[in-house]
Every structure is written in structure tokens, then in C-alpha cells.
Amino acid sequence: MVIQTKKPVTTNTIHKMMNLPQNLRNKIDEFWKEQVKENPNLFNGEVWNVTKMEENADKIILTLEQTDYAHYLYDERHGIEEKYACHNIAAGVYIVTKDGFAVIGELDDTTSYPKVMQVSGGGIDEKLDTVNGEFDLIKTAKRELKEELDLELDNKEQIEKYNFEYIEVPEGKRHSYCVILKAYSKLTKDELNEHFKKYYQYLENNNGEKEFKKLYFLKLGNAVAELDNLSNPKRLYVRQLLELEDKGVV
């Protein structure tokens, strides 16, 4: 479920691995071996699990502990009871172009979810995203945006402004949290699409890691209808986010 909020999101981090029953860990490990056989590009890196979400007058606080990508992916594919589920945290950026289009990406064929539609974003990197002992989710979002779309939130030629706008919280079988910044691009739909195509070609030529295969530009005010006409699988939050965005336009 997507909640609209402009409150900053901070973290309280417990630096220990999540304790899973051995029989579940064994299932996850076997599952992971099969996934790597199918897609050698996969990497079982760190993932941070939300154990508690608190909100006060000024901010939202997420308490985190560590797990791994195999746990996350197993939960996504097979489901795990709530007590041991992976409530992973990610941070991303939802972009609106200068001429009023919502930007949604299609994941590349080399990723865990080929053709799935989502905004730019990803998980925390402890080494890169830590400030004064805690995670800075804006740093996470900035880093992912640069890696995936070659855009910089603080580059005034690319982005006019950005702010906290949405947070996805667990709903149904999807256990994820995602903090989503909203960025107002100074580029038009055509300019941003051309920028992305050049960057994608650069990654191909240099054997770089490709997250997105293409970008979709959905006209705000009618974005949900345009999204529904696309056959791609979509992250649950995408439609909910665009429903809120369409209401803000019409």
C-alpha cells in the first residue's frame, strides 16, 4: 500500500543478522542455488529487514536488521509466514518530466524480474549509504538513480527539485517497504528518453550492469489508464502511486 507523506524517513539499525529457523534457511539456500543456475548474474548481497515502523509529528522511523537477497527473493516467489518474512527496505525516485509525464522503467532481461515495471531504486548499501552511524535513504535513492538512469538529483540542469512524497508499506503477500522521493525533471519526455537510450548503449558497450531496458512515459491525468494498457507485470505500488498522481492533476 502506498502512503503519501512529506515526512522524512530515518532508520534505527540493529547490526545483526535476522535469525531464521534452520529448516527455512535450508529451503532458501536450495532455492538460491537453482536461481543462480538460471541467472548467473544474481548476487546474494545484504538486504535490510524492517522490524518496526514508527511515526511521530516530525518523521517516520524504521527499525532495521540484516538479512540477504536470497531470503528476500524466496519470500517474493514463495511467501513466508509473517514472523520470518523479509520486510525489506528500498529507496527510489519517481520522476515527473518537464512536460508532465510520469516515468516508469521496465527491468532489463538480465535482472531477477525481467520486464517488470517500477521506479528507479534499490536496497541499502551499508558502506555507501551510512551517515553518522545510520542509513541515509536519500543517499540510497541518489546512488540508485545515478547507477540506473545516469541522473543526479542535485544536478540543477537535470532535476529542478525533489522531496519525500511516498512510502510503500507491506500489503497482502508483498512484504516490502519502499521510500519514494518525487523528482521534478527539467528534461522533457523526449529529452529524458534520448538521455536514457545513450546511457543504455554506453552500458552495453562497456559491459556495464543494466537495470532498466526501457522507459515508459505516462501522461499524468491519464497515467493509470495508460499503465493498464501495458501487458508488463508491475510492482504493486506502481498503480497505487499513479492513482494518487492522477488525482493531483485532474
C-alpha atoms as a PDB file:
ATOM      1  CA  MET A   1       0.000   0.000   0.000  1.00  0.00           C
ATOM      2  CA  VAL A   2       1.305   3.448  -0.894  1.00  0.00           C
ATOM      3  CA  ILE A   3       1.031   6.251   1.654  1.00  0.00           C
ATOM      4  CA  GLN A   4       1.542   9.870   0.658  1.00  0.00           C
ATOM      5  CA  THR A   5       3.727  11.733   3.164  1.00  0.00           C
ATOM      6  CA  LYS A   6       6.298  14.508   3.078  1.00  0.00           C
ATOM      7  CA  LYS A   7       7.840  13.472   6.405  1.00  0.00           C
ATOM      8  CA  PRO A   8      11.495  12.418   6.207  1.00  0.00           C
ATOM      9  CA  VAL A   9      12.200   8.739   6.863  1.00  0.00           C
ATOM     10  CA  THR A  10      15.060   7.816   9.207  1.00  0.00           C
ATOM     11  CA  THR A  11      16.439   4.487  10.426  1.00  0.00           C
ATOM     12  CA  ASN A  12      17.345   2.803  13.685  1.00  0.00           C
ATOM     13  CA  THR A  13      19.681  -0.040  12.744  1.00  0.00           C
ATOM     14  CA  ILE A  14      20.367  -3.277  14.605  1.00  0.00           C
ATOM     15  CA  HIS A  15      23.624  -4.617  13.180  1.00  0.00           C
ATOM     16  CA  LYS A  16      22.917  -8.336  13.393  1.00  0.00           C
ATOM     17  CA  MET A  17      21.595 -10.990  11.041  1.00  0.00           C
ATOM     18  CA  MET A  18      17.914 -11.894  11.216  1.00  0.00           C
ATOM     19  CA  ASN A  19      17.516 -15.269  12.969  1.00  0.00           C
ATOM     20  CA  LEU A  20      15.682 -17.763  10.733  1.00  0.00           C
ATOM     21  CA  PRO A  21      14.787 -21.392  11.575  1.00  0.00           C
ATOM     22  CA  GLN A  22      17.313 -23.822  10.097  1.00  0.00           C
ATOM     23  CA  ASN A  23      14.712 -25.678   8.003  1.00  0.00           C
ATOM     24  CA  LEU A  24      13.657 -22.390   6.386  1.00  0.00           C
ATOM     25  CA  ARG A  25      17.286 -21.372   5.824  1.00  0.00           C
ATOM     26  CA  ASN A  26      17.902 -24.710   4.102  1.00  0.00           C
ATOM     27  CA  LYS A  27      14.942 -24.144   1.765  1.00  0.00           C
ATOM     28  CA  ILE A  28      16.195 -20.651   0.948  1.00  0.00           C
ATOM     29  CA  ASP A  29      19.717 -21.921   0.212  1.00  0.00           C
ATOM     30  CA  GLU A  30      18.449 -24.648  -2.130  1.00  0.00           C
ATOM     31  CA  PHE A  31      16.172 -22.166  -3.869  1.00  0.00           C
ATOM     32  CA  TRP A  32      19.085 -19.760  -4.319  1.00  0.00           C
ATOM     33  CA  LYS A  33      21.270 -22.418  -5.939  1.00  0.00           C
ATOM     34  CA  GLU A  34      18.566 -23.017  -8.541  1.00  0.00           C
ATOM     35  CA  GLN A  35      18.152 -19.287  -9.207  1.00  0.00           C
ATOM     36  CA  VAL A  36      21.875 -18.823  -9.815  1.00  0.00           C
ATOM     37  CA  LYS A  37      21.878 -21.723 -12.279  1.00  0.00           C
ATOM     38  CA  GLU A  38      19.175 -19.927 -14.273  1.00  0.00           C
ATOM     39  CA  ASN A  39      20.687 -16.459 -13.940  1.00  0.00           C
ATOM     40  CA  PRO A  40      24.429 -16.299 -13.086  1.00  0.00           C
ATOM     41  CA  ASN A  41      24.157 -12.501 -12.811  1.00  0.00           C
ATOM     42  CA  LEU A  42      22.417 -12.798  -9.424  1.00  0.00           C
ATOM     43  CA  PHE A  43      24.321 -11.766  -6.294  1.00  0.00           C
ATOM     44  CA  ASN A  44      23.313 -12.668  -2.741  1.00  0.00           C
ATOM     45  CA  GLY A  45      24.093  -9.322  -1.166  1.00  0.00           C
ATOM     46  CA  GLU A  46      22.926  -7.649   2.022  1.00  0.00           C
ATOM     47  CA  VAL A  47      19.271  -6.751   2.484  1.00  0.00           C
ATOM     48  CA  TRP A  48      17.829  -4.819   5.419  1.00  0.00           C
ATOM     49  CA  ASN A  49      14.632  -6.046   7.047  1.00  0.00           C
ATOM     50  CA  VAL A  50      12.165  -3.649   8.727  1.00  0.00           C
ATOM     51  CA  THR A  51      11.147  -4.907  12.166  1.00  0.00           C
ATOM     52  CA  LYS A  52       9.161  -1.830  13.217  1.00  0.00           C
ATOM     53  CA  MET A  53       7.757   1.386  11.743  1.00  0.00           C
ATOM     54  CA  GLU A  54       7.015   4.363  13.998  1.00  0.00           C
ATOM     55  CA  GLU A  55       5.650   7.785  13.085  1.00  0.00           C
ATOM     56  CA  ASN A  56       5.747  10.965  15.137  1.00  0.00           C
ATOM     57  CA  ALA A  57       4.955  14.576  14.363  1.00  0.00           C
ATOM     58  CA  ASP A  58       8.220  15.180  12.521  1.00  0.00           C
ATOM     59  CA  LYS A  59       9.357  11.953  10.888  1.00  0.00           C
ATOM     60  CA  ILE A  60       8.948   8.236  10.230  1.00  0.00           C
ATOM     61  CA  ILE A  61      11.417   5.874  11.916  1.00  0.00           C
ATOM     62  CA  LEU A  62      12.177   2.395  10.583  1.00  0.00           C
ATOM     63  CA  THR A  63      13.996  -0.137  12.779  1.00  0.00           C
ATOM     64  CA  LEU A  64      16.171  -2.449  10.653  1.00  0.00           C
ATOM     65  CA  GLU A  65      18.112  -5.681  10.947  1.00  0.00           C
ATOM     66  CA  GLN A  66      20.161  -7.501   8.326  1.00  0.00           C
ATOM     67  CA  THR A  67      19.246 -10.417   6.082  1.00  0.00           C
ATOM     68  CA  ASP A  68      20.205 -11.327   2.491  1.00  0.00           C
ATOM     69  CA  TYR A  69      18.860 -11.205  -1.056  1.00  0.00           C
ATOM     70  CA  ALA A  70      18.175 -14.953  -1.160  1.00  0.00           C
ATOM     71  CA  HIS A  71      15.763 -14.541   1.766  1.00  0.00           C
ATOM     72  CA  TYR A  72      14.093 -11.597   0.022  1.00  0.00           C
ATOM     73  CA  LEU A  73      13.732 -13.389  -3.304  1.00  0.00           C
ATOM     74  CA  TYR A  74      12.431 -16.603  -1.724  1.00  0.00           C
ATOM     75  CA  ASP A  75       9.782 -14.611   0.132  1.00  0.00           C
ATOM     76  CA  GLU A  76       8.807 -12.777  -3.068  1.00  0.00           C
ATOM     77  CA  ARG A  77       8.479 -16.001  -5.055  1.00  0.00           C
ATOM     78  CA  HIS A  78       7.089 -18.434  -2.463  1.00  0.00           C
ATOM     79  CA  GLY A  79       5.901 -16.421   0.530  1.00  0.00           C
ATOM     80  CA  ILE A  80       6.976 -16.839   4.155  1.00  0.00           C
ATOM     81  CA  GLU A  81       4.871 -16.582   7.302  1.00  0.00           C
ATOM     82  CA  GLU A  82       4.810 -13.061   8.725  1.00  0.00           C
ATOM     83  CA  LYS A  83       7.163 -13.811  11.626  1.00  0.00           C
ATOM     84  CA  TYR A  84      10.036 -14.748   9.288  1.00  0.00           C
ATOM     85  CA  ALA A  85       9.078 -12.772   6.183  1.00  0.00           C
ATOM     86  CA  CYS A  86      11.558 -10.402   4.567  1.00  0.00           C
ATOM     87  CA  HIS A  87      10.190  -6.884   5.076  1.00  0.00           C
ATOM     88  CA  ASN A  88      12.975  -5.399   3.008  1.00  0.00           C
ATOM     89  CA  ILE A  89      13.576  -1.660   2.694  1.00  0.00           C
ATOM     90  CA  ALA A  90      14.387   0.100  -0.559  1.00  0.00           C
ATOM     91  CA  ALA A  91      14.604   3.732  -1.601  1.00  0.00           C
ATOM     92  CA  GLY A  92      13.791   5.117  -5.011  1.00  0.00           C
ATOM     93  CA  VAL A  93      12.946   8.115  -7.125  1.00  0.00           C
ATOM     94  CA  TYR A  94       9.729   8.733  -9.027  1.00  0.00           C
ATOM     95  CA  ILE A  95      10.331  11.242 -11.828  1.00  0.00           C
ATOM     96  CA  VAL A  96       7.918  13.663 -13.481  1.00  0.00           C
ATOM     97  CA  THR A  97       9.150  15.226 -16.724  1.00  0.00           C
ATOM     98  CA  LYS A  98       9.030  18.930 -17.547  1.00  0.00           C
ATOM     99  CA  ASP A  99       6.072  18.298 -19.861  1.00  0.00           C
ATOM    100  CA  GLY A 100       4.007  16.306 -17.350  1.00  0.00           C
ATOM    101  CA  PHE A 101       4.793  12.625 -17.865  1.00  0.00           C
ATOM    102  CA  ALA A 102       5.306  10.028 -15.128  1.00  0.00           C
ATOM    103  CA  VAL A 103       8.461   7.970 -15.751  1.00  0.00           C
ATOM    104  CA  ILE A 104       8.285   4.220 -15.105  1.00  0.00           C
ATOM    105  CA  GLY A 105      11.063   1.793 -16.051  1.00  0.00           C
ATOM    106  CA  GLU A 106      10.962  -1.740 -17.468  1.00  0.00           C
ATOM    107  CA  LEU A 107      13.553  -4.002 -15.830  1.00  0.00           C
ATOM    108  CA  ASP A 108      16.210  -5.497 -18.070  1.00  0.00           C
ATOM    109  CA  ASP A 109      16.260  -9.161 -19.110  1.00  0.00           C
ATOM    110  CA  THR A 110      19.403  -9.713 -17.002  1.00  0.00           C
ATOM    111  CA  THR A 111      17.629  -8.846 -13.710  1.00  0.00           C
ATOM    112  CA  SER A 112      15.657 -11.078 -11.334  1.00  0.00           C
ATOM    113  CA  TYR A 113      12.389  -9.676 -12.708  1.00  0.00           C
ATOM    114  CA  PRO A 114      12.629  -9.214 -16.488  1.00  0.00           C
ATOM    115  CA  LYS A 115      10.083  -6.760 -17.955  1.00  0.00           C
ATOM    116  CA  VAL A 116       8.643  -5.797 -14.555  1.00  0.00           C
ATOM    117  CA  MET A 117       7.722  -2.109 -14.281  1.00  0.00           C
ATOM    118  CA  GLN A 118       8.902   0.009 -11.349  1.00  0.00           C
ATOM    119  CA  VAL A 119      10.537   3.325 -10.477  1.00  0.00           C
ATOM    120  CA  SER A 120      14.287   3.674 -10.143  1.00  0.00           C
ATOM    121  CA  GLY A 121      15.523   2.434  -6.793  1.00  0.00           C
ATOM    122  CA  GLY A 122      17.096  -0.323  -4.768  1.00  0.00           C
ATOM    123  CA  GLY A 123      18.324  -1.555  -1.423  1.00  0.00           C
ATOM    124  CA  ILE A 124      20.698  -0.017   1.100  1.00  0.00           C
ATOM    125  CA  ASP A 125      24.444  -0.408   0.775  1.00  0.00           C
ATOM    126  CA  GLU A 126      25.899  -0.157   4.285  1.00  0.00           C
ATOM    127  CA  LYS A 127      29.317   1.040   3.087  1.00  0.00           C
ATOM    128  CA  LEU A 128      27.963   3.745   0.797  1.00  0.00           C
ATOM    129  CA  ASP A 129      24.753   4.915   2.470  1.00  0.00           C
ATOM    130  CA  THR A 130      25.766   5.341   6.130  1.00  0.00           C
ATOM    131  CA  VAL A 131      25.946   8.798   7.726  1.00  0.00           C
ATOM    132  CA  ASN A 132      26.790   9.203  11.432  1.00  0.00           C
ATOM    133  CA  GLY A 133      26.133   5.525  12.075  1.00  0.00           C
ATOM    134  CA  GLU A 134      22.704   5.372  10.443  1.00  0.00           C
ATOM    135  CA  PHE A 135      21.442   4.859   6.909  1.00  0.00           C
ATOM    136  CA  ASP A 136      20.631   7.881   4.766  1.00  0.00           C
ATOM    137  CA  LEU A 137      17.819   6.793   2.443  1.00  0.00           C
ATOM    138  CA  ILE A 138      18.247   9.882   0.273  1.00  0.00           C
ATOM    139  CA  LYS A 139      21.821   8.739  -0.420  1.00  0.00           C
ATOM    140  CA  THR A 140      20.457   5.316  -1.378  1.00  0.00           C
ATOM    141  CA  ALA A 141      17.935   6.848  -3.774  1.00  0.00           C
ATOM    142  CA  LYS A 142      20.552   9.178  -5.297  1.00  0.00           C
ATOM    143  CA  ARG A 143      23.042   6.355  -5.808  1.00  0.00           C
ATOM    144  CA  GLU A 144      20.488   4.094  -7.476  1.00  0.00           C
ATOM    145  CA  LEU A 145      19.257   6.869  -9.765  1.00  0.00           C
ATOM    146  CA  LYS A 146      22.810   7.594 -10.914  1.00  0.00           C
ATOM    147  CA  GLU A 147      23.577   3.897 -11.491  1.00  0.00           C
ATOM    148  CA  GLU A 148      20.318   3.096 -13.280  1.00  0.00           C
ATOM    149  CA  LEU A 149      19.458   6.232 -15.276  1.00  0.00           C
ATOM    150  CA  ASP A 150      22.625   8.367 -15.102  1.00  0.00           C
ATOM    151  CA  LEU A 151      20.659  11.169 -13.449  1.00  0.00           C
ATOM    152  CA  GLU A 152      21.770  13.203 -10.434  1.00  0.00           C
ATOM    153  CA  LEU A 153      19.209  14.631  -8.034  1.00  0.00           C
ATOM    154  CA  ASP A 154      21.473  17.580  -7.218  1.00  0.00           C
ATOM    155  CA  ASN A 155      22.232  18.422 -10.855  1.00  0.00           C
ATOM    156  CA  LYS A 156      20.108  21.519 -11.495  1.00  0.00           C
ATOM    157  CA  GLU A 157      20.316  21.002 -15.253  1.00  0.00           C
ATOM    158  CA  GLN A 158      18.539  17.651 -14.828  1.00  0.00           C
ATOM    159  CA  ILE A 159      16.374  17.986 -11.715  1.00  0.00           C
ATOM    160  CA  GLU A 160      14.559  21.155 -10.636  1.00  0.00           C
ATOM    161  CA  LYS A 161      13.707  19.897  -7.138  1.00  0.00           C
ATOM    162  CA  TYR A 162      12.859  16.756  -5.178  1.00  0.00           C
ATOM    163  CA  ASN A 163      11.230  15.832  -1.879  1.00  0.00           C
ATOM    164  CA  PHE A 164       9.919  12.950   0.225  1.00  0.00           C
ATOM    165  CA  GLU A 165       6.487  12.104  -1.164  1.00  0.00           C
ATOM    166  CA  TYR A 166       5.523   8.433  -0.782  1.00  0.00           C
ATOM    167  CA  ILE A 167       6.265   5.317   1.222  1.00  0.00           C
ATOM    168  CA  GLU A 168       5.137   1.826   0.270  1.00  0.00           C
ATOM    169  CA  VAL A 169       4.258  -0.348   3.268  1.00  0.00           C
ATOM    170  CA  PRO A 170       3.507  -4.102   3.273  1.00  0.00           C
ATOM    171  CA  GLU A 171       0.206  -5.228   1.811  1.00  0.00           C
ATOM    172  CA  GLY A 172      -1.006  -8.783   1.283  1.00  0.00           C
ATOM    173  CA  LYS A 173       1.769 -11.077   0.091  1.00  0.00           C
ATOM    174  CA  ARG A 174       4.112  -8.189  -0.675  1.00  0.00           C
ATOM    175  CA  HIS A 175       6.138  -7.505   2.467  1.00  0.00           C
ATOM    176  CA  SER A 176       8.318  -4.660   1.175  1.00  0.00           C
ATOM    177  CA  TYR A 177       8.830  -1.079   2.284  1.00  0.00           C
ATOM    178  CA  CYS A 178       9.942   1.486  -0.289  1.00  0.00           C
ATOM    179  CA  VAL A 179      10.653   5.145   0.416  1.00  0.00           C
ATOM    180  CA  ILE A 180       9.960   7.101  -2.768  1.00  0.00           C
ATOM    181  CA  LEU A 181      11.252  10.597  -3.470  1.00  0.00           C
ATOM    182  CA  LYS A 182       9.425  12.652  -6.087  1.00  0.00           C
ATOM    183  CA  ALA A 183      11.734  14.484  -8.505  1.00  0.00           C
ATOM    184  CA  TYR A 184      10.685  17.174 -10.963  1.00  0.00           C
ATOM    185  CA  SER A 185      12.873  16.845 -14.039  1.00  0.00           C
ATOM    186  CA  LYS A 186      13.978  19.816 -16.132  1.00  0.00           C
ATOM    187  CA  LEU A 187      14.028  17.478 -19.132  1.00  0.00           C
ATOM    188  CA  THR A 188      11.058  16.789 -21.382  1.00  0.00           C
ATOM    189  CA  LYS A 189       9.844  13.293 -22.168  1.00  0.00           C
ATOM    190  CA  ASP A 190      11.815  13.200 -25.432  1.00  0.00           C
ATOM    191  CA  GLU A 191      14.979  14.628 -23.872  1.00  0.00           C
ATOM    192  CA  LEU A 192      14.930  12.159 -20.999  1.00  0.00           C
ATOM    193  CA  ASN A 193      14.240   9.232 -23.300  1.00  0.00           C
ATOM    194  CA  GLU A 194      17.182  10.198 -25.518  1.00  0.00           C
ATOM    195  CA  HIS A 195      19.399  10.564 -22.444  1.00  0.00           C
ATOM    196  CA  PHE A 196      18.451   7.085 -21.255  1.00  0.00           C
ATOM    197  CA  LYS A 197      18.997   5.442 -24.655  1.00  0.00           C
ATOM    198  CA  LYS A 198      22.517   6.887 -24.850  1.00  0.00           C
ATOM    199  CA  TYR A 199      23.269   5.669 -21.328  1.00  0.00           C
ATOM    200  CA  TYR A 200      21.925   2.183 -22.079  1.00  0.00           C
ATOM    201  CA  GLN A 201      24.136   1.990 -25.151  1.00  0.00           C
ATOM    202  CA  TYR A 202      27.096   3.116 -23.063  1.00  0.00           C
ATOM    203  CA  LEU A 203      26.455   0.296 -20.563  1.00  0.00           C
ATOM    204  CA  GLU A 204      26.181  -2.238 -23.371  1.00  0.00           C
ATOM    205  CA  ASN A 205      29.418  -1.060 -24.976  1.00  0.00           C
ATOM    206  CA  ASN A 206      31.282  -1.203 -21.658  1.00  0.00           C
ATOM    207  CA  ASN A 207      29.757  -4.392 -20.267  1.00  0.00           C
ATOM    208  CA  GLY A 208      28.038  -2.389 -17.530  1.00  0.00           C
ATOM    209  CA  GLU A 209      25.244  -3.616 -15.297  1.00  0.00           C
ATOM    210  CA  LYS A 210      21.881  -2.757 -16.839  1.00  0.00           C
ATOM    211  CA  GLU A 211      18.894  -2.393 -14.520  1.00  0.00           C
ATOM    212  CA  PHE A 212      16.321  -0.957 -16.943  1.00  0.00           C
ATOM    213  CA  LYS A 213      15.752  -1.929 -20.552  1.00  0.00           C
ATOM    214  CA  LYS A 214      13.474   0.967 -21.470  1.00  0.00           C
ATOM    215  CA  LEU A 215      11.453   3.811 -20.003  1.00  0.00           C
ATOM    216  CA  TYR A 216       7.728   4.412 -20.289  1.00  0.00           C
ATOM    217  CA  PHE A 217       6.260   7.908 -20.178  1.00  0.00           C
ATOM    218  CA  LEU A 218       2.663   8.047 -18.942  1.00  0.00           C
ATOM    219  CA  LYS A 219       0.732  11.317 -19.236  1.00  0.00           C
ATOM    220  CA  LEU A 220      -0.360  12.482 -15.811  1.00  0.00           C
ATOM    221  CA  GLY A 221      -4.119  12.722 -15.541  1.00  0.00           C
ATOM    222  CA  ASN A 222      -4.426   9.547 -17.600  1.00  0.00           C
ATOM    223  CA  ALA A 223      -1.396   7.611 -16.345  1.00  0.00           C
ATOM    224  CA  VAL A 224      -3.295   4.719 -14.735  1.00  0.00           C
ATOM    225  CA  ALA A 225      -5.278   4.046 -17.906  1.00  0.00           C
ATOM    226  CA  GLU A 226      -2.076   4.060 -19.965  1.00  0.00           C
ATOM    227  CA  LEU A 227      -0.399   1.766 -17.433  1.00  0.00           C
ATOM    228  CA  ASP A 228      -3.294  -0.697 -17.575  1.00  0.00           C
ATOM    229  CA  ASN A 229      -2.921  -0.928 -21.359  1.00  0.00           C
ATOM    230  CA  LEU A 230       0.618  -2.295 -20.946  1.00  0.00           C
ATOM    231  CA  SER A 231       0.970  -6.057 -20.648  1.00  0.00           C
ATOM    232  CA  ASN A 232       4.113  -5.929 -18.475  1.00  0.00           C
ATOM    233  CA  PRO A 233       3.949  -7.218 -14.907  1.00  0.00           C
ATOM    234  CA  LYS A 234       4.095  -4.290 -12.469  1.00  0.00           C
ATOM    235  CA  ARG A 235       5.244  -3.762  -8.924  1.00  0.00           C
ATOM    236  CA  LEU A 236       2.154  -3.477  -6.741  1.00  0.00           C
ATOM    237  CA  TYR A 237       2.932   0.073  -5.680  1.00  0.00           C
ATOM    238  CA  VAL A 238       3.189   1.479  -9.227  1.00  0.00           C
ATOM    239  CA  ARG A 239      -0.535   1.612  -9.938  1.00  0.00           C
ATOM    240  CA  GLN A 240      -1.325   2.958  -6.471  1.00  0.00           C
ATOM    241  CA  LEU A 241       1.278   5.693  -6.834  1.00  0.00           C
ATOM    242  CA  LEU A 242      -0.056   6.729 -10.243  1.00  0.00           C
ATOM    243  CA  GLU A 243      -3.631   6.776  -8.928  1.00  0.00           C
ATOM    244  CA  LEU A 244      -2.538   9.374  -6.366  1.00  0.00           C
ATOM    245  CA  GLU A 245      -0.594  11.292  -9.020  1.00  0.00           C
ATOM    246  CA  ASP A 246      -3.526  11.346 -11.457  1.00  0.00           C
ATOM    247  CA  LYS A 247      -5.802  12.731  -8.734  1.00  0.00           C
ATOM    248  CA  GLY A 248      -3.347  15.548  -8.176  1.00  0.00           C
ATOM    249  CA  VAL A 249      -3.595  16.574 -11.835  1.00  0.00           C
ATOM    250  CA  VAL A 250      -7.304  16.270 -12.641  1.00  0.00           C
END
